[in-house]
Amino acid sequence: MKDFKFDRTAFKIQTFEEADAANIFDKETPYAERLRQAYYLISLAYGFSMSEQPKLDRKYFIIKKLGK
């Protein structure tokens, strides 16, 4: 197994003001844009493209009615 080292160049120490200015999800950003950006990051993390989305495997998800 390969040992991974912490990459100290990926992040930098910031003040609260600098970190707040770098935040792209501020209060003025609409929820639709926040969701679009989040979905883009999820697609990068799981390795699928936005145009070819994975299909839901229906054999693992079943809807049942509660009660009688």
PDB file of N, CA and C in Angstrom:
ATOM      1  N   MET A   1       0.842  -1.179   0.000  1.00  0.00           N
ATOM      2  CA  MET A   1       0.000   0.000   0.000  1.00  0.00           C
ATOM      3  C   MET A   1       0.886   1.241   0.000  1.00  0.00           C
ATOM      4  N   LYS A   2       0.524   2.203  -0.804  1.00  0.00           N
ATOM      5  CA  LYS A   2       1.313   3.418  -0.942  1.00  0.00           C
ATOM      6  C   LYS A   2       1.008   4.392   0.191  1.00  0.00           C
ATOM      7  N   ASP A   3       2.046   4.978   0.768  1.00  0.00           N
ATOM      8  CA  ASP A   3       1.857   5.998   1.804  1.00  0.00           C
ATOM      9  C   ASP A   3       1.645   7.352   1.152  1.00  0.00           C
ATOM     10  N   PHE A   4       0.648   8.064   1.607  1.00  0.00           N
ATOM     11  CA  PHE A   4       0.355   9.388   1.082  1.00  0.00           C
ATOM     12  C   PHE A   4       0.870  10.433   2.051  1.00  0.00           C
ATOM     13  N   LYS A   5       1.431  11.484   1.503  1.00  0.00           N
ATOM     14  CA  LYS A   5       1.918  12.585   2.323  1.00  0.00           C
ATOM     15  C   LYS A   5       0.956  13.757   2.206  1.00  0.00           C
ATOM     16  N   PHE A   6       0.860  14.520   3.276  1.00  0.00           N
ATOM     17  CA  PHE A   6      -0.012  15.689   3.312  1.00  0.00           C
ATOM     18  C   PHE A   6       0.569  16.785   2.427  1.00  0.00           C
ATOM     19  N   ASP A   7      -0.231  17.266   1.484  1.00  0.00           N
ATOM     20  CA  ASP A   7       0.210  18.314   0.569  1.00  0.00           C
ATOM     21  C   ASP A   7      -0.027  19.669   1.222  1.00  0.00           C
ATOM     22  N   ARG A   8       1.017  20.285   1.716  1.00  0.00           N
ATOM     23  CA  ARG A   8       0.888  21.557   2.424  1.00  0.00           C
ATOM     24  C   ARG A   8       0.724  22.740   1.473  1.00  0.00           C
ATOM     25  N   THR A   9       0.898  22.526   0.177  1.00  0.00           N
ATOM     26  CA  THR A   9       0.751  23.625  -0.778  1.00  0.00           C
ATOM     27  C   THR A   9      -0.692  23.792  -1.241  1.00  0.00           C
ATOM     28  N   ALA A  10      -1.575  22.860  -0.906  1.00  0.00           N
ATOM     29  CA  ALA A  10      -2.960  22.921  -1.364  1.00  0.00           C
ATOM     30  C   ALA A  10      -3.766  23.978  -0.618  1.00  0.00           C
ATOM     31  N   PHE A  11      -3.370  24.271   0.609  1.00  0.00           N
ATOM     32  CA  PHE A  11      -4.111  25.216   1.438  1.00  0.00           C
ATOM     33  C   PHE A  11      -3.165  26.265   2.000  1.00  0.00           C
ATOM     34  N   LYS A  12      -3.716  27.379   2.406  1.00  0.00           N
ATOM     35  CA  LYS A  12      -2.900  28.404   3.045  1.00  0.00           C
ATOM     36  C   LYS A  12      -3.648  28.963   4.243  1.00  0.00           C
ATOM     37  N   ILE A  13      -2.893  29.493   5.183  1.00  0.00           N
ATOM     38  CA  ILE A  13      -3.486  30.091   6.367  1.00  0.00           C
ATOM     39  C   ILE A  13      -4.099  31.428   5.962  1.00  0.00           C
ATOM     40  N   GLN A  14      -5.361  31.645   6.357  1.00  0.00           N
ATOM     41  CA  GLN A  14      -6.075  32.864   6.005  1.00  0.00           C
ATOM     42  C   GLN A  14      -6.682  33.483   7.260  1.00  0.00           C
ATOM     43  N   THR A  15      -6.932  34.764   7.187  1.00  0.00           N
ATOM     44  CA  THR A  15      -7.698  35.413   8.244  1.00  0.00           C
ATOM     45  C   THR A  15      -9.173  35.125   7.996  1.00  0.00           C
ATOM     46  N   PHE A  16     -10.010  35.443   8.953  1.00  0.00           N
ATOM     47  CA  PHE A  16     -11.445  35.227   8.787  1.00  0.00           C
ATOM     48  C   PHE A  16     -11.989  36.068   7.639  1.00  0.00           C
ATOM     49  N   GLU A  17     -11.472  37.267   7.477  1.00  0.00           N
ATOM     50  CA  GLU A  17     -11.934  38.140   6.405  1.00  0.00           C
ATOM     51  C   GLU A  17     -11.563  37.582   5.033  1.00  0.00           C
ATOM     52  N   GLU A  18     -10.351  37.050   4.896  1.00  0.00           N
ATOM     53  CA  GLU A  18      -9.914  36.463   3.621  1.00  0.00           C
ATOM     54  C   GLU A  18     -10.721  35.213   3.288  1.00  0.00           C
ATOM     55  N   ALA A  19     -10.954  34.386   4.289  1.00  0.00           N
ATOM     56  CA  ALA A  19     -11.731  33.167   4.064  1.00  0.00           C
ATOM     57  C   ALA A  19     -13.166  33.497   3.703  1.00  0.00           C
ATOM     58  N   ASP A  20     -13.719  34.533   4.342  1.00  0.00           N
ATOM     59  CA  ASP A  20     -15.086  34.931   4.043  1.00  0.00           C
ATOM     60  C   ASP A  20     -15.199  35.494   2.631  1.00  0.00           C
ATOM     61  N   ALA A  21     -14.172  36.222   2.184  1.00  0.00           N
ATOM     62  CA  ALA A  21     -14.178  36.778   0.824  1.00  0.00           C
ATOM     63  C   ALA A  21     -14.013  35.682  -0.222  1.00  0.00           C
ATOM     64  N   ALA A  22     -13.335  34.589   0.111  1.00  0.00           N
ATOM     65  CA  ALA A  22     -13.103  33.503  -0.838  1.00  0.00           C
ATOM     66  C   ALA A  22     -14.287  32.541  -0.918  1.00  0.00           C
ATOM     67  N   ASN A  23     -15.243  32.657  -0.014  1.00  0.00           N
ATOM     68  CA  ASN A  23     -16.396  31.767   0.014  1.00  0.00           C
ATOM     69  C   ASN A  23     -17.307  32.067  -1.175  1.00  0.00           C
ATOM     70  N   ILE A  24     -17.528  31.067  -2.034  1.00  0.00           N
ATOM     71  CA  ILE A  24     -18.368  31.284  -3.216  1.00  0.00           C
ATOM     72  C   ILE A  24     -19.851  31.065  -2.911  1.00  0.00           C
ATOM     73  N   PHE A  25     -20.175  30.468  -1.757  1.00  0.00           N
ATOM     74  CA  PHE A  25     -21.566  30.221  -1.391  1.00  0.00           C
ATOM     75  C   PHE A  25     -22.013  31.279  -0.392  1.00  0.00           C
ATOM     76  N   ASP A  26     -22.069  32.532  -0.818  1.00  0.00           N
ATOM     77  CA  ASP A  26     -22.520  33.575   0.079  1.00  0.00           C
ATOM     78  C   ASP A  26     -24.041  33.669   0.044  1.00  0.00           C
ATOM     79  N   LYS A  27     -24.589  34.569   0.835  1.00  0.00           N
ATOM     80  CA  LYS A  27     -26.042  34.670   0.961  1.00  0.00           C
ATOM     81  C   LYS A  27     -26.722  35.177  -0.300  1.00  0.00           C
ATOM     82  N   GLU A  28     -25.995  35.880  -1.162  1.00  0.00           N
ATOM     83  CA  GLU A  28     -26.596  36.415  -2.380  1.00  0.00           C
ATOM     84  C   GLU A  28     -26.663  35.380  -3.507  1.00  0.00           C
ATOM     85  N   THR A  29     -25.936  34.271  -3.382  1.00  0.00           N
ATOM     86  CA  THR A  29     -25.948  33.231  -4.411  1.00  0.00           C
ATOM     87  C   THR A  29     -27.273  32.472  -4.340  1.00  0.00           C
ATOM     88  N   PRO A  30     -28.018  32.386  -5.430  1.00  0.00           N
ATOM     89  CA  PRO A  30     -29.305  31.672  -5.400  1.00  0.00           C
ATOM     90  C   PRO A  30     -29.109  30.165  -5.159  1.00  0.00           C
ATOM     91  N   TYR A  31     -30.131  29.551  -4.593  1.00  0.00           N
ATOM     92  CA  TYR A  31     -30.047  28.122  -4.276  1.00  0.00           C
ATOM     93  C   TYR A  31     -29.851  27.269  -5.520  1.00  0.00           C
ATOM     94  N   ALA A  32     -30.414  27.661  -6.642  1.00  0.00           N
ATOM     95  CA  ALA A  32     -30.255  26.889  -7.882  1.00  0.00           C
ATOM     96  C   ALA A  32     -28.790  26.863  -8.310  1.00  0.00           C
ATOM     97  N   GLU A  33     -28.093  27.981  -8.165  1.00  0.00           N
ATOM     98  CA  GLU A  33     -26.675  28.028  -8.520  1.00  0.00           C
ATOM     99  C   GLU A  33     -25.843  27.204  -7.541  1.00  0.00           C
ATOM    100  N   ARG A  34     -26.191  27.243  -6.260  1.00  0.00           N
ATOM    101  CA  ARG A  34     -25.485  26.431  -5.257  1.00  0.00           C
ATOM    102  C   ARG A  34     -25.639  24.949  -5.562  1.00  0.00           C
ATOM    103  N   LEU A  35     -26.857  24.537  -5.927  1.00  0.00           N
ATOM    104  CA  LEU A  35     -27.088  23.130  -6.266  1.00  0.00           C
ATOM    105  C   LEU A  35     -26.350  22.722  -7.530  1.00  0.00           C
ATOM    106  N   ARG A  36     -26.309  23.611  -8.518  1.00  0.00           N
ATOM    107  CA  ARG A  36     -25.581  23.302  -9.748  1.00  0.00           C
ATOM    108  C   ARG A  36     -24.099  23.111  -9.469  1.00  0.00           C
ATOM    109  N   GLN A  37     -23.515  23.974  -8.654  1.00  0.00           N
ATOM    110  CA  GLN A  37     -22.101  23.860  -8.322  1.00  0.00           C
ATOM    111  C   GLN A  37     -21.823  22.606  -7.496  1.00  0.00           C
ATOM    112  N   ALA A  38     -22.711  22.292  -6.556  1.00  0.00           N
ATOM    113  CA  ALA A  38     -22.545  21.093  -5.739  1.00  0.00           C
ATOM    114  C   ALA A  38     -22.645  19.835  -6.597  1.00  0.00           C
ATOM    115  N   TYR A  39     -23.587  19.809  -7.530  1.00  0.00           N
ATOM    116  CA  TYR A  39     -23.739  18.643  -8.413  1.00  0.00           C
ATOM    117  C   TYR A  39     -22.508  18.473  -9.300  1.00  0.00           C
ATOM    118  N   TYR A  40     -21.929  19.584  -9.726  1.00  0.00           N
ATOM    119  CA  TYR A  40     -20.713  19.521 -10.530  1.00  0.00           C
ATOM    120  C   TYR A  40     -19.566  18.914  -9.717  1.00  0.00           C
ATOM    121  N   LEU A  41     -19.420  19.317  -8.468  1.00  0.00           N
ATOM    122  CA  LEU A  41     -18.363  18.765  -7.627  1.00  0.00           C
ATOM    123  C   LEU A  41     -18.580  17.281  -7.343  1.00  0.00           C
ATOM    124  N   ILE A  42     -19.845  16.873  -7.159  1.00  0.00           N
ATOM    125  CA  ILE A  42     -20.157  15.460  -6.941  1.00  0.00           C
ATOM    126  C   ILE A  42     -19.827  14.652  -8.190  1.00  0.00           C
ATOM    127  N   SER A  43     -20.122  15.208  -9.370  1.00  0.00           N
ATOM    128  CA  SER A  43     -19.812  14.477 -10.606  1.00  0.00           C
ATOM    129  C   SER A  43     -18.305  14.316 -10.781  1.00  0.00           C
ATOM    130  N   LEU A  44     -17.520  15.299 -10.361  1.00  0.00           N
ATOM    131  CA  LEU A  44     -16.067  15.153 -10.419  1.00  0.00           C
ATOM    132  C   LEU A  44     -15.568  14.108  -9.428  1.00  0.00           C
ATOM    133  N   ALA A  45     -16.144  14.104  -8.231  1.00  0.00           N
ATOM    134  CA  ALA A  45     -15.702  13.176  -7.193  1.00  0.00           C
ATOM    135  C   ALA A  45     -16.004  11.729  -7.564  1.00  0.00           C
ATOM    136  N   TYR A  46     -17.164  11.477  -8.168  1.00  0.00           N
ATOM    137  CA  TYR A  46     -17.558  10.107  -8.494  1.00  0.00           C
ATOM    138  C   TYR A  46     -17.252   9.714  -9.932  1.00  0.00           C
ATOM    139  N   GLY A  47     -16.706  10.625 -10.716  1.00  0.00           N
ATOM    140  CA  GLY A  47     -16.213  10.274 -12.042  1.00  0.00           C
ATOM    141  C   GLY A  47     -17.259  10.084 -13.122  1.00  0.00           C
ATOM    142  N   PHE A  48     -18.357  10.792 -13.088  1.00  0.00           N
ATOM    143  CA  PHE A  48     -19.301  10.732 -14.200  1.00  0.00           C
ATOM    144  C   PHE A  48     -19.458  12.126 -14.777  1.00  0.00           C
ATOM    145  N   SER A  49     -19.873  12.181 -16.020  1.00  0.00           N
ATOM    146  CA  SER A  49     -20.007  13.481 -16.677  1.00  0.00           C
ATOM    147  C   SER A  49     -21.415  14.018 -16.474  1.00  0.00           C
ATOM    148  N   MET A  50     -21.561  15.309 -16.673  1.00  0.00           N
ATOM    149  CA  MET A  50     -22.871  15.930 -16.500  1.00  0.00           C
ATOM    150  C   MET A  50     -23.831  15.505 -17.608  1.00  0.00           C
ATOM    151  N   SER A  51     -23.310  15.181 -18.786  1.00  0.00           N
ATOM    152  CA  SER A  51     -24.171  14.780 -19.890  1.00  0.00           C
ATOM    153  C   SER A  51     -24.572  13.314 -19.806  1.00  0.00           C
ATOM    154  N   GLU A  52     -23.708  12.452 -19.273  1.00  0.00           N
ATOM    155  CA  GLU A  52     -24.009  11.021 -19.134  1.00  0.00           C
ATOM    156  C   GLU A  52     -24.089  10.673 -17.659  1.00  0.00           C
ATOM    157  N   GLN A  53     -25.259  10.870 -17.094  1.00  0.00           N
ATOM    158  CA  GLN A  53     -25.451  10.642 -15.670  1.00  0.00           C
ATOM    159  C   GLN A  53     -25.729   9.170 -15.403  1.00  0.00           C
ATOM    160  N   PRO A  54     -25.332   8.661 -14.233  1.00  0.00           N
ATOM    161  CA  PRO A  54     -25.577   7.254 -13.932  1.00  0.00           C
ATOM    162  C   PRO A  54     -27.065   6.987 -13.719  1.00  0.00           C
ATOM    163  N   LYS A  55     -27.491   5.795 -14.077  1.00  0.00           N
ATOM    164  CA  LYS A  55     -28.888   5.398 -13.923  1.00  0.00           C
ATOM    165  C   LYS A  55     -29.110   4.855 -12.508  1.00  0.00           C
ATOM    166  N   LEU A  56     -30.300   5.052 -11.983  1.00  0.00           N
ATOM    167  CA  LEU A  56     -30.667   4.544 -10.670  1.00  0.00           C
ATOM    168  C   LEU A  56     -30.947   3.053 -10.777  1.00  0.00           C
ATOM    169  N   ASP A  57     -30.307   2.251  -9.940  1.00  0.00           N
ATOM    170  CA  ASP A  57     -30.513   0.810  -9.938  1.00  0.00           C
ATOM    171  C   ASP A  57     -31.773   0.504  -9.135  1.00  0.00           C
ATOM    172  N   ARG A  58     -32.850   0.207  -9.821  1.00  0.00           N
ATOM    173  CA  ARG A  58     -34.165   0.056  -9.202  1.00  0.00           C
ATOM    174  C   ARG A  58     -34.288  -1.192  -8.326  1.00  0.00           C
ATOM    175  N   LYS A  59     -33.406  -2.168  -8.447  1.00  0.00           N
ATOM    176  CA  LYS A  59     -33.551  -3.366  -7.625  1.00  0.00           C
ATOM    177  C   LYS A  59     -33.106  -3.125  -6.181  1.00  0.00           C
ATOM    178  N   TYR A  60     -32.438  -2.015  -5.912  1.00  0.00           N
ATOM    179  CA  TYR A  60     -32.025  -1.695  -4.550  1.00  0.00           C
ATOM    180  C   TYR A  60     -32.965  -0.709  -3.871  1.00  0.00           C
ATOM    181  N   PHE A  61     -33.830  -0.055  -4.621  1.00  0.00           N
ATOM    182  CA  PHE A  61     -34.739   0.927  -4.061  1.00  0.00           C
ATOM    183  C   PHE A  61     -36.169   0.509  -4.349  1.00  0.00           C
ATOM    184  N   ILE A  62     -36.919   0.246  -3.290  1.00  0.00           N
ATOM    185  CA  ILE A  62     -38.296  -0.228  -3.420  1.00  0.00           C
ATOM    186  C   ILE A  62     -39.194   0.713  -2.626  1.00  0.00           C
ATOM    187  N   ILE A  63     -40.311   1.100  -3.202  1.00  0.00           N
ATOM    188  CA  ILE A  63     -41.284   1.947  -2.517  1.00  0.00           C
ATOM    189  C   ILE A  63     -42.386   1.050  -1.951  1.00  0.00           C
ATOM    190  N   LYS A  64     -42.621   1.176  -0.655  1.00  0.00           N
ATOM    191  CA  LYS A  64     -43.688   0.418  -0.013  1.00  0.00           C
ATOM    192  C   LYS A  64     -44.639   1.384   0.661  1.00  0.00           C
ATOM    193  N   LYS A  65     -45.920   1.050   0.684  1.00  0.00           N
ATOM    194  CA  LYS A  65     -46.929   1.861   1.344  1.00  0.00           C
ATOM    195  C   LYS A  65     -46.922   1.561   2.831  1.00  0.00           C
ATOM    196  N   LEU A  66     -47.023   2.622   3.625  1.00  0.00           N
ATOM    197  CA  LEU A  66     -47.110   2.433   5.074  1.00  0.00           C
ATOM    198  C   LEU A  66     -48.548   2.189   5.477  1.00  0.00           C
ATOM    199  N   GLY A  67     -48.753   1.370   6.465  1.00  0.00           N
ATOM    200  CA  GLY A  67     -50.106   1.112   6.953  1.00  0.00           C
ATOM    201  C   GLY A  67     -50.854   0.108   6.090  1.00  0.00           C
ATOM    202  N   LYS A  68     -52.186   0.056   6.271  1.00  0.00           N
ATOM    203  CA  LYS A  68     -52.996  -0.908   5.534  1.00  0.00           C
ATOM    204  C   LYS A  68     -53.697  -0.297   4.379  1.00  0.00           C
TER     205      LYS A  68
END
